[in-house]
N, C-alpha and C. Protein backbone atom coordinates (compact mmCIF):
# COMPACT_ATOMS: atom_id res chain seq x y z
N MET A 1 75.63 34.90 119.75
CA MET A 1 76.58 35.83 120.30
C MET A 1 76.78 35.58 121.79
N SER A 2 78.01 35.70 122.21
CA SER A 2 78.28 35.54 123.63
C SER A 2 77.93 36.83 124.36
N PRO A 3 77.72 36.76 125.67
CA PRO A 3 77.41 37.96 126.45
C PRO A 3 78.51 39.02 126.36
N LEU A 4 79.76 38.60 126.14
CA LEU A 4 80.85 39.56 126.04
C LEU A 4 80.74 40.41 124.78
N GLN A 5 80.21 39.85 123.72
CA GLN A 5 80.08 40.59 122.47
C GLN A 5 78.99 41.65 122.55
N ASN A 6 78.07 41.51 123.48
CA ASN A 6 76.98 42.47 123.61
C ASN A 6 77.31 43.62 124.55
N GLN A 7 78.44 43.55 125.25
CA GLN A 7 78.78 44.59 126.22
C GLN A 7 79.18 45.88 125.51
N LYS A 8 78.78 47.01 126.11
CA LYS A 8 79.17 48.30 125.59
C LYS A 8 80.64 48.53 125.89
N LYS A 9 81.29 49.25 125.01
CA LYS A 9 82.69 49.61 125.23
C LYS A 9 82.72 50.65 126.35
N THR A 10 83.53 50.41 127.36
CA THR A 10 83.56 51.30 128.52
C THR A 10 84.85 52.10 128.61
N ARG A 11 85.71 51.97 127.59
CA ARG A 11 86.97 52.72 127.60
C ARG A 11 87.20 53.33 126.22
N ALA A 12 87.94 54.41 126.21
CA ALA A 12 88.28 55.08 124.95
C ALA A 12 89.77 55.37 124.94
N ILE A 13 90.39 55.21 123.80
CA ILE A 13 91.80 55.52 123.66
C ILE A 13 91.94 57.04 123.50
N LEU A 14 92.71 57.64 124.38
CA LEU A 14 92.95 59.08 124.32
C LEU A 14 94.20 59.39 123.50
N ALA A 15 95.21 58.54 123.62
CA ALA A 15 96.45 58.73 122.86
C ALA A 15 97.12 57.37 122.71
N GLN A 16 97.76 57.20 121.56
CA GLN A 16 98.44 55.93 121.31
C GLN A 16 99.56 56.16 120.31
N LEU A 17 100.74 55.64 120.64
CA LEU A 17 101.87 55.65 119.73
C LEU A 17 102.23 54.21 119.45
N THR A 18 102.21 53.85 118.18
CA THR A 18 102.54 52.50 117.78
C THR A 18 103.83 52.54 116.96
N VAL A 19 104.75 51.66 117.32
CA VAL A 19 106.01 51.54 116.58
C VAL A 19 106.05 50.12 116.04
N GLU A 20 106.12 50.01 114.71
CA GLU A 20 106.10 48.71 114.05
C GLU A 20 107.38 48.51 113.24
N LEU A 21 107.79 47.26 113.15
CA LEU A 21 108.96 46.88 112.36
C LEU A 21 108.49 45.98 111.23
N SER A 22 108.83 46.36 110.01
CA SER A 22 108.45 45.54 108.85
C SER A 22 109.47 44.44 108.62
N GLN A 23 109.12 43.49 107.77
CA GLN A 23 110.02 42.38 107.46
C GLN A 23 111.31 42.86 106.79
N ASP A 24 111.22 43.99 106.10
CA ASP A 24 112.43 44.49 105.43
C ASP A 24 113.23 45.44 106.32
N GLY A 25 112.89 45.52 107.60
CA GLY A 25 113.67 46.28 108.57
C GLY A 25 113.31 47.74 108.72
N LYS A 26 112.24 48.17 108.09
CA LYS A 26 111.81 49.57 108.23
C LYS A 26 110.96 49.73 109.48
N VAL A 27 111.11 50.89 110.12
CA VAL A 27 110.33 51.21 111.32
C VAL A 27 109.23 52.19 110.93
N TYR A 28 108.04 51.88 111.36
CA TYR A 28 106.89 52.72 111.07
C TYR A 28 106.29 53.23 112.38
N LEU A 29 105.95 54.51 112.39
CA LEU A 29 105.35 55.13 113.57
C LEU A 29 103.92 55.54 113.23
N GLU A 30 103.04 55.31 114.15
CA GLU A 30 101.66 55.76 114.00
C GLU A 30 101.23 56.43 115.29
N ASN A 31 100.81 57.66 115.16
CA ASN A 31 100.40 58.45 116.32
C ASN A 31 98.90 58.71 116.22
N GLN A 32 98.18 58.25 117.21
CA GLN A 32 96.74 58.52 117.29
C GLN A 32 96.49 59.27 118.59
N THR A 33 96.34 60.57 118.46
CA THR A 33 96.12 61.40 119.64
C THR A 33 94.89 62.27 119.40
N LEU A 34 94.02 62.30 120.36
CA LEU A 34 92.85 63.17 120.24
C LEU A 34 93.27 64.63 120.30
N ASP A 35 92.65 65.44 119.49
CA ASP A 35 92.87 66.87 119.55
C ASP A 35 92.27 67.38 120.87
N PRO A 36 93.07 68.00 121.73
CA PRO A 36 92.56 68.45 123.03
C PRO A 36 91.36 69.40 122.92
N LYS A 37 91.37 70.27 121.91
CA LYS A 37 90.25 71.20 121.75
C LYS A 37 88.96 70.47 121.40
N LEU A 38 89.07 69.50 120.48
CA LEU A 38 87.88 68.72 120.11
C LEU A 38 87.39 67.87 121.28
N PHE A 39 88.35 67.32 122.03
CA PHE A 39 87.99 66.54 123.22
C PHE A 39 87.22 67.40 124.21
N ARG A 40 87.75 68.60 124.48
CA ARG A 40 87.10 69.51 125.43
C ARG A 40 85.68 69.85 124.97
N GLN A 41 85.55 70.13 123.69
CA GLN A 41 84.24 70.47 123.13
C GLN A 41 83.27 69.29 123.27
N ALA A 42 83.73 68.09 122.96
CA ALA A 42 82.87 66.91 123.06
C ALA A 42 82.47 66.65 124.51
N MET A 43 83.43 66.81 125.42
CA MET A 43 83.13 66.59 126.84
C MET A 43 82.12 67.63 127.34
N ASP A 44 82.31 68.88 126.96
CA ASP A 44 81.38 69.93 127.38
C ASP A 44 79.99 69.71 126.80
N ASN A 45 79.93 69.23 125.57
CA ASN A 45 78.63 68.92 124.96
C ASN A 45 77.96 67.75 125.67
N TRP A 46 78.77 66.78 126.11
CA TRP A 46 78.24 65.61 126.81
C TRP A 46 77.75 65.98 128.22
N ASN A 47 78.62 66.69 128.97
CA ASN A 47 78.28 67.03 130.35
C ASN A 47 79.16 68.21 130.76
N ASP A 48 78.63 69.41 130.63
CA ASP A 48 79.45 70.60 130.89
C ASP A 48 79.77 70.83 132.36
N THR A 49 79.27 69.98 133.23
CA THR A 49 79.60 70.11 134.66
C THR A 49 80.55 69.01 135.14
N TYR A 50 81.00 68.16 134.22
CA TYR A 50 81.92 67.08 134.59
C TYR A 50 83.23 67.69 135.07
N GLU A 51 83.65 67.36 136.27
CA GLU A 51 84.80 67.99 136.91
C GLU A 51 86.15 67.56 136.32
N GLY A 52 86.20 66.43 135.65
CA GLY A 52 87.48 65.93 135.15
C GLY A 52 87.88 66.43 133.77
N THR A 53 87.03 67.22 133.14
CA THR A 53 87.31 67.64 131.76
C THR A 53 88.60 68.42 131.63
N LEU A 54 88.82 69.40 132.47
CA LEU A 54 90.03 70.22 132.37
C LEU A 54 91.28 69.39 132.62
N THR A 55 91.23 68.51 133.60
CA THR A 55 92.38 67.65 133.89
C THR A 55 92.70 66.75 132.71
N LEU A 56 91.68 66.15 132.13
CA LEU A 56 91.89 65.26 130.98
C LEU A 56 92.37 66.04 129.75
N THR A 57 91.86 67.24 129.57
CA THR A 57 92.31 68.08 128.45
C THR A 57 93.78 68.44 128.61
N ASN A 58 94.18 68.78 129.83
CA ASN A 58 95.59 69.07 130.09
C ASN A 58 96.46 67.84 129.88
N LEU A 59 95.96 66.68 130.27
CA LEU A 59 96.68 65.43 130.04
C LEU A 59 96.90 65.21 128.55
N LEU A 60 95.86 65.44 127.75
CA LEU A 60 95.99 65.28 126.30
C LEU A 60 97.01 66.23 125.71
N HIS A 61 97.04 67.48 126.19
CA HIS A 61 98.06 68.43 125.73
C HIS A 61 99.46 67.89 126.02
N GLU A 62 99.66 67.39 127.22
CA GLU A 62 100.98 66.87 127.61
C GLU A 62 101.35 65.62 126.82
N LEU A 63 100.40 64.71 126.66
CA LEU A 63 100.67 63.50 125.89
C LEU A 63 101.03 63.83 124.45
N LYS A 64 100.29 64.74 123.85
CA LYS A 64 100.57 65.15 122.47
C LYS A 64 101.96 65.74 122.38
N ARG A 65 102.33 66.61 123.31
CA ARG A 65 103.65 67.24 123.31
C ARG A 65 104.76 66.18 123.43
N GLU A 66 104.58 65.27 124.37
CA GLU A 66 105.60 64.23 124.60
C GLU A 66 105.71 63.27 123.42
N ILE A 67 104.59 62.89 122.84
CA ILE A 67 104.62 61.98 121.68
C ILE A 67 105.27 62.68 120.49
N ASP A 68 104.97 63.96 120.29
CA ASP A 68 105.60 64.71 119.20
C ASP A 68 107.12 64.77 119.39
N LEU A 69 107.57 65.02 120.61
CA LEU A 69 109.00 65.05 120.90
C LEU A 69 109.64 63.69 120.64
N LEU A 70 108.98 62.64 121.07
CA LEU A 70 109.50 61.30 120.87
C LEU A 70 109.57 60.96 119.38
N GLN A 71 108.55 61.34 118.65
CA GLN A 71 108.56 61.07 117.20
C GLN A 71 109.71 61.79 116.50
N ASP A 72 110.05 62.97 116.99
CA ASP A 72 111.18 63.69 116.43
C ASP A 72 112.51 63.01 116.74
N LYS A 73 112.60 62.37 117.91
CA LYS A 73 113.84 61.73 118.35
C LYS A 73 114.05 60.34 117.76
N ILE A 74 112.99 59.63 117.49
CA ILE A 74 113.11 58.22 117.05
C ILE A 74 114.00 58.09 115.80
N PRO A 75 113.83 58.92 114.77
CA PRO A 75 114.72 58.78 113.60
C PRO A 75 116.21 58.93 113.97
N LEU A 76 116.51 59.77 114.95
CA LEU A 76 117.89 59.94 115.38
C LEU A 76 118.43 58.67 116.02
N PHE A 77 117.59 57.92 116.72
CA PHE A 77 118.00 56.67 117.34
C PHE A 77 118.32 55.60 116.29
N LEU A 78 117.68 55.71 115.14
CA LEU A 78 117.79 54.68 114.11
C LEU A 78 118.94 54.89 113.14
N LYS A 79 119.65 56.01 113.27
CA LYS A 79 120.77 56.30 112.35
C LYS A 79 122.00 55.51 112.72
């Protein structure tokens, strides 16, 4: 194994929207967004004095809202 394979993962995906096009021309959407409440709970369990938890939780709320809006609009773009 190379030294790179032994490194711990130092980043986590908080939100991700993937838009894929199939060979037959269909568009597929995949939304992977952390639930802000579960995120907050996990962060508080990890370190309840971490100062960035509220900011990150608010960011997740906003990202989820924006991704949901975008997902609603995408089918309209494809008509």
